[in-house]
Amino acid sequence: MSAIPLNAAQPLGLRGLVADWSSDRQAFHVAWGKVMMWIFLLSDTFIFGSFLTGYMTVRASTTVPWPNPSEVFALRIGGISLPLILIAIMTFVLISSSGTMAMAVNFAYQRDRRRAALLMFATAAFGVMFVSMQAFEWSKLILDEGVRPWGNPMGAAQFGSAFFMITGFHGLHVSAGVIYLSIVATRLMRGAYDRRGNYQIVEIAGLYWHFVDLVWVFIFAFFYLW
């Protein structure tokens, strides 16, 4: 008995195209959820890249002295001024969250949903810590230093608009990620993905979170160290 070609019974033309799309076929053996997340992250890369490019252009072209980040973002602890101490802690917290997220993905593929969910909650907790410290940083600059989107008493007027736009947009992503991870972790703990037998949603959430962490590395380098 001769073998039947795989696509012999498949309809051709427009009907075949509709049948393929409606049957949720996988392209290149990659789930559509992961493909869509990569497309979203690619579009976000262009947005953050445009923001950082605009920031560097403004800073390089302004004739007014740019505020010194080591002085602007310094904290006085015990009578000693520590430059960028809060920013260093924020960076450490966010990088640590990448580690817990990576472990969550590993346990998810081992079908250990309890440990995976707990690590995702820990990652979300790191995100809450980061946003809380960012809120403190904003309140200090606005209330104590008098920084505004249209000007500041420390130098170039563009400093405030660039700072609030870039860090605010990133903080929005972290806040959305905290909600996203919390929802996935809750459903994971309740066994919502056991019926499908597929924990790939944890990896997809991890892709988003690692992207947010990577963007912060560039913000930290270009905004706080330059």
Protein backbone atom coordinates (compact mmCIF):
# COMPACT_ATOMS: atom_id res chain seq x y z
CA MET A 1 0.00 0.00 0.00
CA SER A 2 1.56 3.26 -1.10
CA ALA A 3 1.94 6.19 1.26
CA ILE A 4 -0.45 9.11 0.84
CA PRO A 5 1.23 12.52 0.51
CA LEU A 6 0.77 14.69 3.60
CA ASN A 7 -0.96 17.49 1.72
CA ALA A 8 -3.01 15.32 -0.65
CA ALA A 9 -6.24 15.82 1.26
CA GLN A 10 -5.67 19.52 1.95
CA PRO A 11 -7.74 22.01 -0.05
CA LEU A 12 -5.87 24.36 -2.36
CA GLY A 13 -6.22 28.06 -3.06
CA LEU A 14 -8.02 30.46 -0.76
CA ARG A 15 -9.89 27.63 0.99
CA GLY A 16 -6.57 25.98 1.83
CA LEU A 17 -5.16 29.22 3.22
CA VAL A 18 -8.22 29.76 5.43
CA ALA A 19 -8.07 26.14 6.61
CA ASP A 20 -4.42 26.45 7.57
CA TRP A 21 -4.92 29.70 9.53
CA SER A 22 -8.06 28.47 11.28
CA SER A 23 -6.36 25.23 12.36
CA ASP A 24 -3.71 27.22 14.31
CA ARG A 25 -0.74 25.76 12.44
CA GLN A 26 2.75 26.51 13.73
CA ALA A 27 5.30 28.28 11.54
CA PHE A 28 8.87 27.01 11.85
CA HIS A 29 7.73 24.88 14.83
CA VAL A 30 7.32 28.00 16.97
CA ALA A 31 4.08 28.70 18.81
CA TRP A 32 2.12 31.73 17.66
CA GLY A 33 2.15 33.17 21.18
CA LYS A 34 5.94 33.29 21.16
CA VAL A 35 6.03 34.74 17.64
CA MET A 36 3.58 37.50 18.59
CA MET A 37 5.62 38.34 21.70
CA TRP A 38 8.79 38.63 19.61
CA ILE A 39 6.98 40.95 17.17
CA PHE A 40 5.74 43.08 20.07
CA LEU A 41 9.23 43.26 21.59
CA LEU A 42 10.69 44.21 18.21
CA SER A 43 8.26 47.13 17.92
CA ASP A 44 9.09 48.16 21.49
CA THR A 45 12.79 48.07 20.61
CA PHE A 46 12.20 50.68 17.91
CA ILE A 47 10.32 52.90 20.38
CA PHE A 48 12.96 52.74 23.10
CA GLY A 49 15.69 53.12 20.49
CA SER A 50 14.03 56.28 19.19
CA PHE A 51 13.73 57.68 22.72
CA LEU A 52 17.38 57.03 23.55
CA THR A 53 18.57 58.34 20.19
CA GLY A 54 16.54 61.52 20.70
CA TYR A 55 17.96 61.88 24.21
CA MET A 56 21.55 61.53 23.01
CA THR A 57 20.93 64.01 20.18
CA VAL A 58 19.43 66.60 22.52
CA ARG A 59 22.19 66.21 25.07
CA ALA A 60 24.96 66.44 22.49
CA SER A 61 23.47 69.52 20.79
CA THR A 62 22.42 71.64 23.77
CA THR A 63 24.57 74.65 24.58
CA VAL A 64 23.46 74.78 28.22
CA PRO A 65 25.42 72.57 30.64
CA TRP A 66 23.73 69.24 31.28
CA PRO A 67 23.09 68.36 34.95
CA ASN A 68 25.66 65.98 36.42
CA PRO A 69 23.86 62.65 37.11
CA SER A 70 26.25 61.83 39.96
CA GLU A 71 25.06 64.96 41.75
CA VAL A 72 21.41 64.94 40.69
CA PHE A 73 20.81 61.31 41.72
CA ALA A 74 22.91 61.34 44.89
CA LEU A 75 21.45 60.50 48.30
CA ARG A 76 22.70 61.76 51.65
CA ILE A 77 22.98 58.89 54.13
CA GLY A 78 24.54 59.59 57.50
CA GLY A 79 25.70 63.00 56.35
CA ILE A 80 27.57 61.50 53.38
CA SER A 81 26.51 62.11 49.78
CA LEU A 82 26.45 58.81 47.88
CA PRO A 83 26.21 59.27 44.09
CA LEU A 84 23.85 56.95 42.19
CA ILE A 85 23.36 54.69 45.22
CA LEU A 86 19.60 54.42 44.65
CA ILE A 87 20.09 53.75 40.93
CA ALA A 88 22.61 51.02 41.73
CA ILE A 89 20.12 49.33 44.08
CA MET A 90 17.36 49.59 41.47
CA THR A 91 19.63 48.01 38.88
CA PHE A 92 20.59 45.19 41.25
CA VAL A 93 16.92 44.48 42.02
CA LEU A 94 15.95 44.35 38.35
CA ILE A 95 18.89 42.13 37.38
CA SER A 96 18.07 39.80 40.29
CA SER A 97 14.52 39.54 38.97
CA SER A 98 15.90 38.16 35.70
CA GLY A 99 17.46 35.32 37.68
CA THR A 100 14.21 34.40 39.43
CA MET A 101 12.34 34.60 36.11
CA ALA A 102 14.83 32.28 34.43
CA MET A 103 14.45 29.76 37.25
CA ALA A 104 10.66 30.00 36.95
CA VAL A 105 10.87 29.06 33.27
CA ASN A 106 13.14 26.13 34.11
CA PHE A 107 10.76 24.76 36.76
CA ALA A 108 7.78 25.30 34.44
CA TYR A 109 9.28 23.02 31.81
CA GLN A 110 9.92 20.47 34.57
CA ARG A 111 6.15 20.60 35.26
CA ASP A 112 6.85 21.90 38.79
CA ARG A 113 4.11 24.51 38.69
CA ARG A 114 4.29 25.38 42.40
CA ARG A 115 7.96 26.42 42.34
CA ALA A 116 7.51 28.13 38.99
CA ALA A 117 4.58 30.16 40.30
CA LEU A 118 6.40 31.12 43.51
CA LEU A 119 9.42 32.31 41.52
CA MET A 120 7.15 34.33 39.24
CA PHE A 121 5.59 35.96 42.30
CA ALA A 122 9.12 36.71 43.55
CA THR A 123 9.93 38.29 40.19
CA ALA A 124 6.79 40.42 40.39
CA ALA A 125 7.80 41.45 43.94
CA PHE A 126 11.17 42.62 42.62
CA GLY A 127 9.27 44.63 40.01
CA VAL A 128 7.15 46.29 42.72
CA MET A 129 10.32 47.17 44.62
CA PHE A 130 11.82 48.71 41.49
CA VAL A 131 8.73 50.82 40.72
CA SER A 132 8.52 51.94 44.36
CA MET A 133 12.13 53.13 44.31
CA GLN A 134 11.47 54.88 41.00
CA ALA A 135 8.47 56.66 42.55
CA PHE A 136 10.73 57.82 45.40
CA GLU A 137 13.29 59.03 42.87
CA TRP A 138 10.63 60.99 40.97
CA SER A 139 9.18 62.56 44.10
CA LYS A 140 12.65 63.63 45.26
CA LEU A 141 13.44 65.30 41.93
CA ILE A 142 10.03 66.99 41.66
CA LEU A 143 9.56 68.12 45.27
CA ASP A 144 13.13 68.63 46.49
CA GLU A 145 15.06 69.53 43.34
CA GLY A 146 12.31 71.35 41.42
CA VAL A 147 12.75 69.33 38.21
CA ARG A 148 9.93 69.77 35.71
CA PRO A 149 9.36 68.44 32.15
CA TRP A 150 9.88 72.00 30.84
CA GLY A 151 12.87 73.01 32.97
CA ASN A 152 14.97 72.59 36.07
CA PRO A 153 17.27 74.77 38.20
CA MET A 154 20.33 72.60 37.56
CA GLY A 155 21.00 73.18 33.86
CA ALA A 156 19.55 72.26 30.49
CA ALA A 157 15.77 72.47 30.34
CA GLN A 158 15.55 69.29 28.24
CA PHE A 159 16.82 67.21 31.16
CA GLY A 160 13.42 66.97 32.84
CA SER A 161 11.46 66.03 29.72
CA ALA A 162 14.01 63.39 28.68
CA PHE A 163 14.19 61.90 32.17
CA PHE A 164 10.45 61.67 32.81
CA MET A 165 9.68 60.39 29.31
CA ILE A 166 12.29 57.62 29.20
CA THR A 167 12.15 56.40 32.79
CA GLY A 168 8.37 56.82 32.92
CA PHE A 169 7.84 54.73 29.79
CA HIS A 170 10.11 52.04 31.17
CA GLY A 171 8.39 52.16 34.56
CA LEU A 172 5.07 51.67 32.79
CA HIS A 173 6.46 48.52 31.18
CA VAL A 174 7.65 47.22 34.56
CA SER A 175 4.23 47.91 36.12
CA ALA A 176 2.48 46.11 33.25
CA GLY A 177 4.93 43.23 33.64
CA VAL A 178 4.14 42.93 37.36
CA ILE A 179 0.43 42.58 36.55
CA TYR A 180 1.14 40.17 33.68
CA LEU A 181 3.40 37.91 35.76
CA SER A 182 0.99 37.94 38.71
CA ILE A 183 -1.91 36.81 36.51
CA VAL A 184 0.10 34.03 34.85
CA ALA A 185 1.52 32.88 38.22
CA THR A 186 -1.95 32.77 39.77
CA ARG A 187 -3.34 30.71 36.90
CA LEU A 188 -0.25 28.49 37.01
CA MET A 189 -0.71 27.86 40.74
CA ARG A 190 -4.35 26.90 40.17
CA GLY A 191 -3.37 24.40 37.48
CA ALA A 192 -5.00 26.27 34.61
CA TYR A 193 -2.26 25.17 32.21
CA ASP A 194 -2.27 21.51 33.28
CA ARG A 195 -5.27 20.79 31.08
CA ARG A 196 -3.35 21.97 28.03
CA GLY A 197 -0.14 20.26 29.12
CA ASN A 198 1.80 23.30 27.92
CA TYR A 199 3.69 25.69 30.20
CA GLN A 200 5.12 27.75 27.36
CA ILE A 201 3.18 30.79 28.60
CA VAL A 202 5.78 31.08 31.38
CA GLU A 203 8.57 31.33 28.82
CA ILE A 204 6.60 33.93 26.85
CA ALA A 205 6.15 36.02 30.00
CA GLY A 206 9.86 35.57 30.66
CA LEU A 207 10.71 36.98 27.24
CA TYR A 208 8.82 40.18 28.11
CA TRP A 209 10.47 40.51 31.51
CA HIS A 210 14.01 39.91 30.21
CA PHE A 211 13.39 42.57 27.56
CA VAL A 212 12.36 45.07 30.22
CA ASP A 213 15.53 44.28 32.18
CA LEU A 214 17.71 44.64 29.08
CA VAL A 215 16.20 48.03 28.24
CA TRP A 216 17.04 49.26 31.75
CA VAL A 217 20.70 48.36 31.19
CA PHE A 218 20.78 50.75 28.22
CA ILE A 219 18.91 53.46 30.14
CA PHE A 220 21.32 53.06 33.04
CA ALA A 221 24.35 53.33 30.76
CA PHE A 222 23.17 56.25 28.61
CA PHE A 223 21.25 58.32 31.15
CA TYR A 224 22.95 57.78 34.50
CA LEU A 225 26.57 57.04 33.56
CA TRP A 226 27.06 59.39 30.59
